Amino acid sequence: MDKQELKRRAHDLDVTVWVGKSGIDSVVDELDDQLSDRDLVKVKLLRASRAGSSTEEKAADLADRVDAELIETRGHTAVVHR
């Protein structure tokens, strides 16, 4: 499936993982579990989690940690695919 199709499918998804002040370490296991059940997951990176980094940097790091692909970021929301 190409990225355009994945982006279309992700449009109607609800955010199911929120990254807060505890950072991405606290959600790695949860995201991994969700990616085991479905191939697309939307992640919201709250301001406290970014700590001076960009949403793209944090989302890419999170995707790497769960061996997934970062499909897109829009605002402070990322879509991850495995």
N, C-alpha and C. Protein backbone atom coordinates (compact mmCIF):
# COMPACT_ATOMS: atom_id res chain seq x y z
N MET A 1 0.85 -1.18 0.00
CA MET A 1 0.00 0.00 0.00
C MET A 1 0.89 1.24 0.00
N ASP A 2 0.60 2.20 -0.86
CA ASP A 2 1.45 3.39 -0.93
C ASP A 2 1.08 4.42 0.14
N LYS A 3 1.96 5.41 0.30
CA LYS A 3 1.77 6.41 1.36
C LYS A 3 0.49 7.21 1.18
N GLN A 4 0.13 7.51 -0.05
CA GLN A 4 -1.10 8.28 -0.30
C GLN A 4 -2.33 7.53 0.21
N GLU A 5 -2.38 6.24 -0.07
CA GLU A 5 -3.50 5.43 0.39
C GLU A 5 -3.52 5.35 1.92
N LEU A 6 -2.35 5.20 2.53
CA LEU A 6 -2.27 5.16 3.99
C LEU A 6 -2.72 6.48 4.60
N LYS A 7 -2.34 7.60 3.98
CA LYS A 7 -2.77 8.91 4.47
C LYS A 7 -4.28 9.05 4.38
N ARG A 8 -4.86 8.56 3.29
CA ARG A 8 -6.33 8.62 3.14
C ARG A 8 -7.01 7.81 4.24
N ARG A 9 -6.50 6.62 4.49
CA ARG A 9 -7.09 5.77 5.53
C ARG A 9 -6.92 6.39 6.91
N ALA A 10 -5.81 7.06 7.14
CA ALA A 10 -5.53 7.65 8.44
C ALA A 10 -6.40 8.86 8.73
N HIS A 11 -6.90 9.49 7.70
CA HIS A 11 -7.68 10.72 7.88
C HIS A 11 -8.83 10.54 8.87
N ASP A 12 -9.53 9.43 8.81
CA ASP A 12 -10.70 9.22 9.65
C ASP A 12 -10.40 8.53 10.98
N LEU A 13 -9.12 8.20 11.21
CA LEU A 13 -8.75 7.55 12.48
C LEU A 13 -8.81 8.54 13.63
N ASP A 14 -9.13 8.01 14.80
CA ASP A 14 -9.04 8.80 16.02
C ASP A 14 -7.66 8.61 16.64
N VAL A 15 -7.21 9.61 17.37
CA VAL A 15 -5.94 9.49 18.10
C VAL A 15 -6.14 8.47 19.21
N THR A 16 -5.24 7.51 19.30
CA THR A 16 -5.34 6.48 20.34
C THR A 16 -4.13 6.44 21.25
N VAL A 17 -3.08 7.21 20.91
CA VAL A 17 -1.90 7.29 21.76
C VAL A 17 -1.57 8.76 21.97
N TRP A 18 -1.46 9.17 23.23
CA TRP A 18 -1.10 10.54 23.57
C TRP A 18 0.25 10.52 24.27
N VAL A 19 1.17 11.35 23.79
CA VAL A 19 2.49 11.46 24.41
C VAL A 19 2.48 12.75 25.22
N GLY A 20 2.66 12.61 26.54
CA GLY A 20 2.62 13.75 27.43
C GLY A 20 3.97 14.07 28.03
N LYS A 21 3.96 14.64 29.23
CA LYS A 21 5.21 15.10 29.84
C LYS A 21 6.16 13.96 30.21
N SER A 22 5.67 12.74 30.26
CA SER A 22 6.55 11.60 30.55
C SER A 22 7.39 11.22 29.33
N GLY A 23 7.07 11.77 28.18
CA GLY A 23 7.85 11.54 26.98
C GLY A 23 7.47 10.27 26.25
N ILE A 24 8.23 9.99 25.19
CA ILE A 24 7.89 8.86 24.33
C ILE A 24 8.22 7.52 24.98
N ASP A 25 9.15 7.51 25.94
CA ASP A 25 9.49 6.25 26.61
C ASP A 25 8.27 5.60 27.24
N SER A 26 7.36 6.42 27.73
CA SER A 26 6.20 5.90 28.45
C SER A 26 5.12 5.31 27.53
N VAL A 27 5.21 5.53 26.22
CA VAL A 27 4.17 5.03 25.32
C VAL A 27 4.66 4.00 24.30
N VAL A 28 5.95 3.68 24.34
CA VAL A 28 6.51 2.74 23.37
C VAL A 28 5.78 1.40 23.40
N ASP A 29 5.60 0.83 24.58
CA ASP A 29 4.93 -0.47 24.70
C ASP A 29 3.47 -0.40 24.23
N GLU A 30 2.77 0.67 24.59
CA GLU A 30 1.38 0.82 24.18
C GLU A 30 1.26 0.93 22.66
N LEU A 31 2.12 1.72 22.05
CA LEU A 31 2.09 1.86 20.60
C LEU A 31 2.43 0.54 19.92
N ASP A 32 3.40 -0.17 20.45
CA ASP A 32 3.77 -1.47 19.90
C ASP A 32 2.58 -2.44 19.95
N ASP A 33 1.88 -2.45 21.09
CA ASP A 33 0.69 -3.31 21.23
C ASP A 33 -0.39 -2.93 20.21
N GLN A 34 -0.63 -1.63 20.06
CA GLN A 34 -1.67 -1.19 19.12
C GLN A 34 -1.30 -1.52 17.68
N LEU A 35 -0.02 -1.42 17.35
CA LEU A 35 0.42 -1.76 15.99
C LEU A 35 0.34 -3.25 15.73
N SER A 36 0.32 -4.05 16.78
CA SER A 36 0.14 -5.49 16.61
C SER A 36 -1.29 -5.81 16.21
N ASP A 37 -2.25 -4.97 16.68
CA ASP A 37 -3.66 -5.18 16.39
C ASP A 37 -4.13 -4.53 15.10
N ARG A 38 -3.52 -3.42 14.73
CA ARG A 38 -3.91 -2.71 13.51
C ARG A 38 -2.67 -2.10 12.86
N ASP A 39 -2.77 -1.81 11.58
CA ASP A 39 -1.58 -1.36 10.87
C ASP A 39 -1.35 0.15 10.90
N LEU A 40 -2.35 0.94 11.27
CA LEU A 40 -2.20 2.39 11.36
C LEU A 40 -2.62 2.88 12.74
N VAL A 41 -1.80 3.76 13.32
CA VAL A 41 -2.12 4.34 14.62
C VAL A 41 -1.80 5.83 14.57
N LYS A 42 -2.71 6.63 15.11
CA LYS A 42 -2.51 8.07 15.20
C LYS A 42 -2.00 8.41 16.60
N VAL A 43 -0.96 9.24 16.64
CA VAL A 43 -0.31 9.62 17.90
C VAL A 43 -0.33 11.14 18.02
N LYS A 44 -0.75 11.63 19.17
CA LYS A 44 -0.76 13.07 19.45
C LYS A 44 0.38 13.39 20.39
N LEU A 45 1.25 14.32 19.99
CA LEU A 45 2.38 14.72 20.82
C LEU A 45 2.04 16.05 21.49
N LEU A 46 1.75 16.01 22.77
CA LEU A 46 1.39 17.21 23.51
C LEU A 46 2.63 18.09 23.71
N ARG A 47 2.42 19.36 23.96
CA ARG A 47 3.51 20.32 24.08
C ARG A 47 4.57 19.89 25.08
N ALA A 48 4.16 19.37 26.20
CA ALA A 48 5.11 18.97 27.25
C ALA A 48 6.05 17.86 26.80
N SER A 49 5.63 17.06 25.85
CA SER A 49 6.45 15.94 25.40
C SER A 49 7.52 16.38 24.41
N ARG A 50 7.32 17.50 23.75
CA ARG A 50 8.24 17.91 22.70
C ARG A 50 9.51 18.55 23.24
N ALA A 51 9.43 19.24 24.35
CA ALA A 51 10.59 19.82 25.05
C ALA A 51 11.63 20.42 24.10
N GLY A 52 11.20 21.30 23.23
CA GLY A 52 12.14 21.98 22.35
C GLY A 52 12.42 21.26 21.04
N SER A 53 12.01 20.02 20.91
CA SER A 53 12.20 19.28 19.65
C SER A 53 10.96 19.45 18.78
N SER A 54 11.12 19.16 17.51
CA SER A 54 9.97 19.25 16.62
C SER A 54 9.12 17.99 16.72
N THR A 55 7.89 18.10 16.30
CA THR A 55 6.99 16.96 16.27
C THR A 55 7.56 15.87 15.37
N GLU A 56 8.12 16.27 14.23
CA GLU A 56 8.67 15.31 13.28
C GLU A 56 9.80 14.49 13.90
N GLU A 57 10.69 15.17 14.64
CA GLU A 57 11.81 14.47 15.29
C GLU A 57 11.32 13.46 16.32
N LYS A 58 10.41 13.88 17.16
CA LYS A 58 9.89 13.00 18.20
C LYS A 58 9.11 11.83 17.59
N ALA A 59 8.30 12.11 16.58
CA ALA A 59 7.51 11.07 15.94
C ALA A 59 8.41 10.06 15.23
N ALA A 60 9.45 10.53 14.57
CA ALA A 60 10.38 9.63 13.89
C ALA A 60 11.10 8.75 14.90
N ASP A 61 11.49 9.32 16.02
CA ASP A 61 12.15 8.55 17.08
C ASP A 61 11.21 7.47 17.62
N LEU A 62 9.97 7.84 17.86
CA LEU A 62 8.98 6.88 18.36
C LEU A 62 8.75 5.76 17.35
N ALA A 63 8.62 6.10 16.08
CA ALA A 63 8.42 5.09 15.04
C ALA A 63 9.62 4.13 14.98
N ASP A 64 10.82 4.66 15.09
CA ASP A 64 12.02 3.81 15.08
C ASP A 64 12.01 2.83 16.24
N ARG A 65 11.58 3.29 17.39
CA ARG A 65 11.59 2.44 18.59
C ARG A 65 10.62 1.26 18.51
N VAL A 66 9.59 1.39 17.70
CA VAL A 66 8.62 0.29 17.56
C VAL A 66 8.74 -0.39 16.20
N ASP A 67 9.83 -0.10 15.49
CA ASP A 67 10.09 -0.71 14.19
C ASP A 67 8.93 -0.49 13.23
N ALA A 68 8.53 0.78 13.11
CA ALA A 68 7.41 1.15 12.25
C ALA A 68 7.84 2.30 11.34
N GLU A 69 6.95 2.66 10.43
CA GLU A 69 7.23 3.74 9.50
C GLU A 69 6.37 4.95 9.84
N LEU A 70 6.99 6.11 9.85
CA LEU A 70 6.25 7.36 10.05
C LEU A 70 5.64 7.75 8.71
N ILE A 71 4.32 7.75 8.62
CA ILE A 71 3.63 8.06 7.37
C ILE A 71 3.53 9.56 7.15
N GLU A 72 3.11 10.29 8.18
CA GLU A 72 3.02 11.74 8.07
C GLU A 72 2.88 12.37 9.45
N THR A 73 3.21 13.65 9.51
CA THR A 73 2.88 14.45 10.68
C THR A 73 2.09 15.65 10.18
N ARG A 74 1.11 16.00 10.95
CA ARG A 74 0.30 17.17 10.63
C ARG A 74 0.01 17.87 11.94
N GLY A 75 0.51 19.09 12.07
CA GLY A 75 0.41 19.78 13.35
C GLY A 75 1.24 19.03 14.37
N HIS A 76 0.59 18.57 15.43
CA HIS A 76 1.29 17.81 16.47
C HIS A 76 0.79 16.38 16.52
N THR A 77 0.26 15.91 15.40
CA THR A 77 -0.25 14.56 15.29
C THR A 77 0.56 13.80 14.24
N ALA A 78 0.88 12.55 14.57
CA ALA A 78 1.65 11.71 13.65
C ALA A 78 0.87 10.44 13.35
N VAL A 79 1.12 9.88 12.17
CA VAL A 79 0.52 8.61 11.78
C VAL A 79 1.65 7.61 11.59
N VAL A 80 1.54 6.48 12.28
CA VAL A 80 2.58 5.44 12.25
C VAL A 80 1.99 4.18 11.65
N HIS A 81 2.78 3.49 10.83
CA HIS A 81 2.31 2.30 10.11
C HIS A 81 3.33 1.15 10.27
N ARG A 82 2.78 -0.06 10.43
CA ARG A 82 3.65 -1.25 10.42
C ARG A 82 2.96 -2.34 9.66
